[in-house]
Amino acid sequence: MANKVRERREQLGKTQDWLAERVGISRRYVIKIEKDQVNPSVALAKKIASSLGRFVEEIFVWWNI
């Protein structure tokens, strides 16, 4: 999965701490998501996208392998 979490968060001028608090995860987990080291659940992906003011499809791209 690829994502635009960091790009969008930075466009909004928000910190990783802000996003982590907003969606109820640790800052370390935000870092892992931004580096594509982990894939968030669908529910978490929706929370992240909503917090960033976008639809989940605009932030996360899932590929069928």
C-alpha atoms as a PDB file:
ATOM      1  CA  MET A   1       0.000   0.000   0.000  1.00  0.00           C
ATOM      2  CA  ALA A   2       1.209   3.490  -0.754  1.00  0.00           C
ATOM      3  CA  ASN A   3      -0.006   6.569   1.033  1.00  0.00           C
ATOM      4  CA  LYS A   4       0.108  10.341   1.035  1.00  0.00           C
ATOM      5  CA  VAL A   5      -0.241  10.790   4.794  1.00  0.00           C
ATOM      6  CA  ARG A   6       2.970  12.749   5.283  1.00  0.00           C
ATOM      7  CA  GLU A   7       2.437  14.879   2.189  1.00  0.00           C
ATOM      8  CA  ARG A   8      -1.093  15.877   3.213  1.00  0.00           C
ATOM      9  CA  ARG A   9      -0.191  16.358   6.889  1.00  0.00           C
ATOM     10  CA  GLU A  10       2.630  18.704   5.929  1.00  0.00           C
ATOM     11  CA  GLN A  11       0.347  20.611   3.518  1.00  0.00           C
ATOM     12  CA  LEU A  12      -1.916  21.284   6.493  1.00  0.00           C
ATOM     13  CA  GLY A  13       1.020  22.338   8.670  1.00  0.00           C
ATOM     14  CA  LYS A  14       0.243  19.636  11.232  1.00  0.00           C
ATOM     15  CA  THR A  15       2.652  17.518  13.257  1.00  0.00           C
ATOM     16  CA  GLN A  16       2.861  13.773  13.653  1.00  0.00           C
ATOM     17  CA  ASP A  17       1.869  14.287  17.295  1.00  0.00           C
ATOM     18  CA  TRP A  18      -1.274  16.134  16.205  1.00  0.00           C
ATOM     19  CA  LEU A  19      -2.316  13.314  13.876  1.00  0.00           C
ATOM     20  CA  ALA A  20      -1.494  10.624  16.425  1.00  0.00           C
ATOM     21  CA  GLU A  21      -3.600  12.305  19.099  1.00  0.00           C
ATOM     22  CA  ARG A  22      -6.427  12.982  16.687  1.00  0.00           C
ATOM     23  CA  VAL A  23      -6.792   9.338  15.595  1.00  0.00           C
ATOM     24  CA  GLY A  24      -5.782   7.664  18.854  1.00  0.00           C
ATOM     25  CA  ILE A  25      -2.446   6.077  17.962  1.00  0.00           C
ATOM     26  CA  SER A  26       1.174   6.669  18.941  1.00  0.00           C
ATOM     27  CA  ARG A  27       3.484   9.036  17.090  1.00  0.00           C
ATOM     28  CA  ARG A  28       5.726   6.049  16.356  1.00  0.00           C
ATOM     29  CA  TYR A  29       2.838   4.333  14.595  1.00  0.00           C
ATOM     30  CA  VAL A  30       2.227   7.474  12.509  1.00  0.00           C
ATOM     31  CA  ILE A  31       5.895   7.383  11.487  1.00  0.00           C
ATOM     32  CA  LYS A  32       5.592   3.727  10.473  1.00  0.00           C
ATOM     33  CA  ILE A  33       2.466   4.457   8.424  1.00  0.00           C
ATOM     34  CA  GLU A  34       4.144   7.401   6.683  1.00  0.00           C
ATOM     35  CA  LYS A  35       7.162   5.224   5.817  1.00  0.00           C
ATOM     36  CA  ASP A  36       4.910   2.415   4.484  1.00  0.00           C
ATOM     37  CA  GLN A  37       6.268   0.048   7.134  1.00  0.00           C
ATOM     38  CA  VAL A  38       2.792  -0.917   8.357  1.00  0.00           C
ATOM     39  CA  ASN A  39      -0.670  -0.972   6.847  1.00  0.00           C
ATOM     40  CA  PRO A  40      -3.401   0.547   9.005  1.00  0.00           C
ATOM     41  CA  SER A  41      -6.746  -1.157   9.345  1.00  0.00           C
ATOM     42  CA  VAL A  42      -9.523   0.129   7.125  1.00  0.00           C
ATOM     43  CA  ALA A  43     -11.138   1.825  10.126  1.00  0.00           C
ATOM     44  CA  LEU A  44      -7.888   3.580  11.051  1.00  0.00           C
ATOM     45  CA  ALA A  45      -7.229   4.550   7.434  1.00  0.00           C
ATOM     46  CA  LYS A  46     -10.666   6.192   7.343  1.00  0.00           C
ATOM     47  CA  LYS A  47      -9.945   8.111  10.564  1.00  0.00           C
ATOM     48  CA  ILE A  48      -6.610   9.305   9.218  1.00  0.00           C
ATOM     49  CA  ALA A  49      -8.084  10.410   5.897  1.00  0.00           C
ATOM     50  CA  SER A  50     -10.956  12.185   7.624  1.00  0.00           C
ATOM     51  CA  SER A  51      -8.552  13.973   9.967  1.00  0.00           C
ATOM     52  CA  LEU A  52      -6.594  15.113   6.933  1.00  0.00           C
ATOM     53  CA  GLY A  53      -9.753  16.356   5.194  1.00  0.00           C
ATOM     54  CA  ARG A  54      -9.702  13.803   2.389  1.00  0.00           C
ATOM     55  CA  PHE A  55     -11.426  10.595   1.330  1.00  0.00           C
ATOM     56  CA  VAL A  56      -9.563   7.407   2.182  1.00  0.00           C
ATOM     57  CA  GLU A  57      -9.000   6.699  -1.527  1.00  0.00           C
ATOM     58  CA  GLU A  58      -7.158  10.014  -1.869  1.00  0.00           C
ATOM     59  CA  ILE A  59      -4.708   9.161   0.921  1.00  0.00           C
ATOM     60  CA  PHE A  60      -4.237   5.393   0.614  1.00  0.00           C
ATOM     61  CA  VAL A  61      -3.772   3.246  -2.488  1.00  0.00           C
ATOM     62  CA  TRP A  62      -4.310  -0.490  -2.181  1.00  0.00           C
ATOM     63  CA  TRP A  63      -3.015  -2.774  -4.915  1.00  0.00           C
ATOM     64  CA  ASN A  64      -4.228  -6.253  -5.760  1.00  0.00           C
ATOM     65  CA  ILE A  65      -1.234  -8.514  -5.974  1.00  0.00           C
END
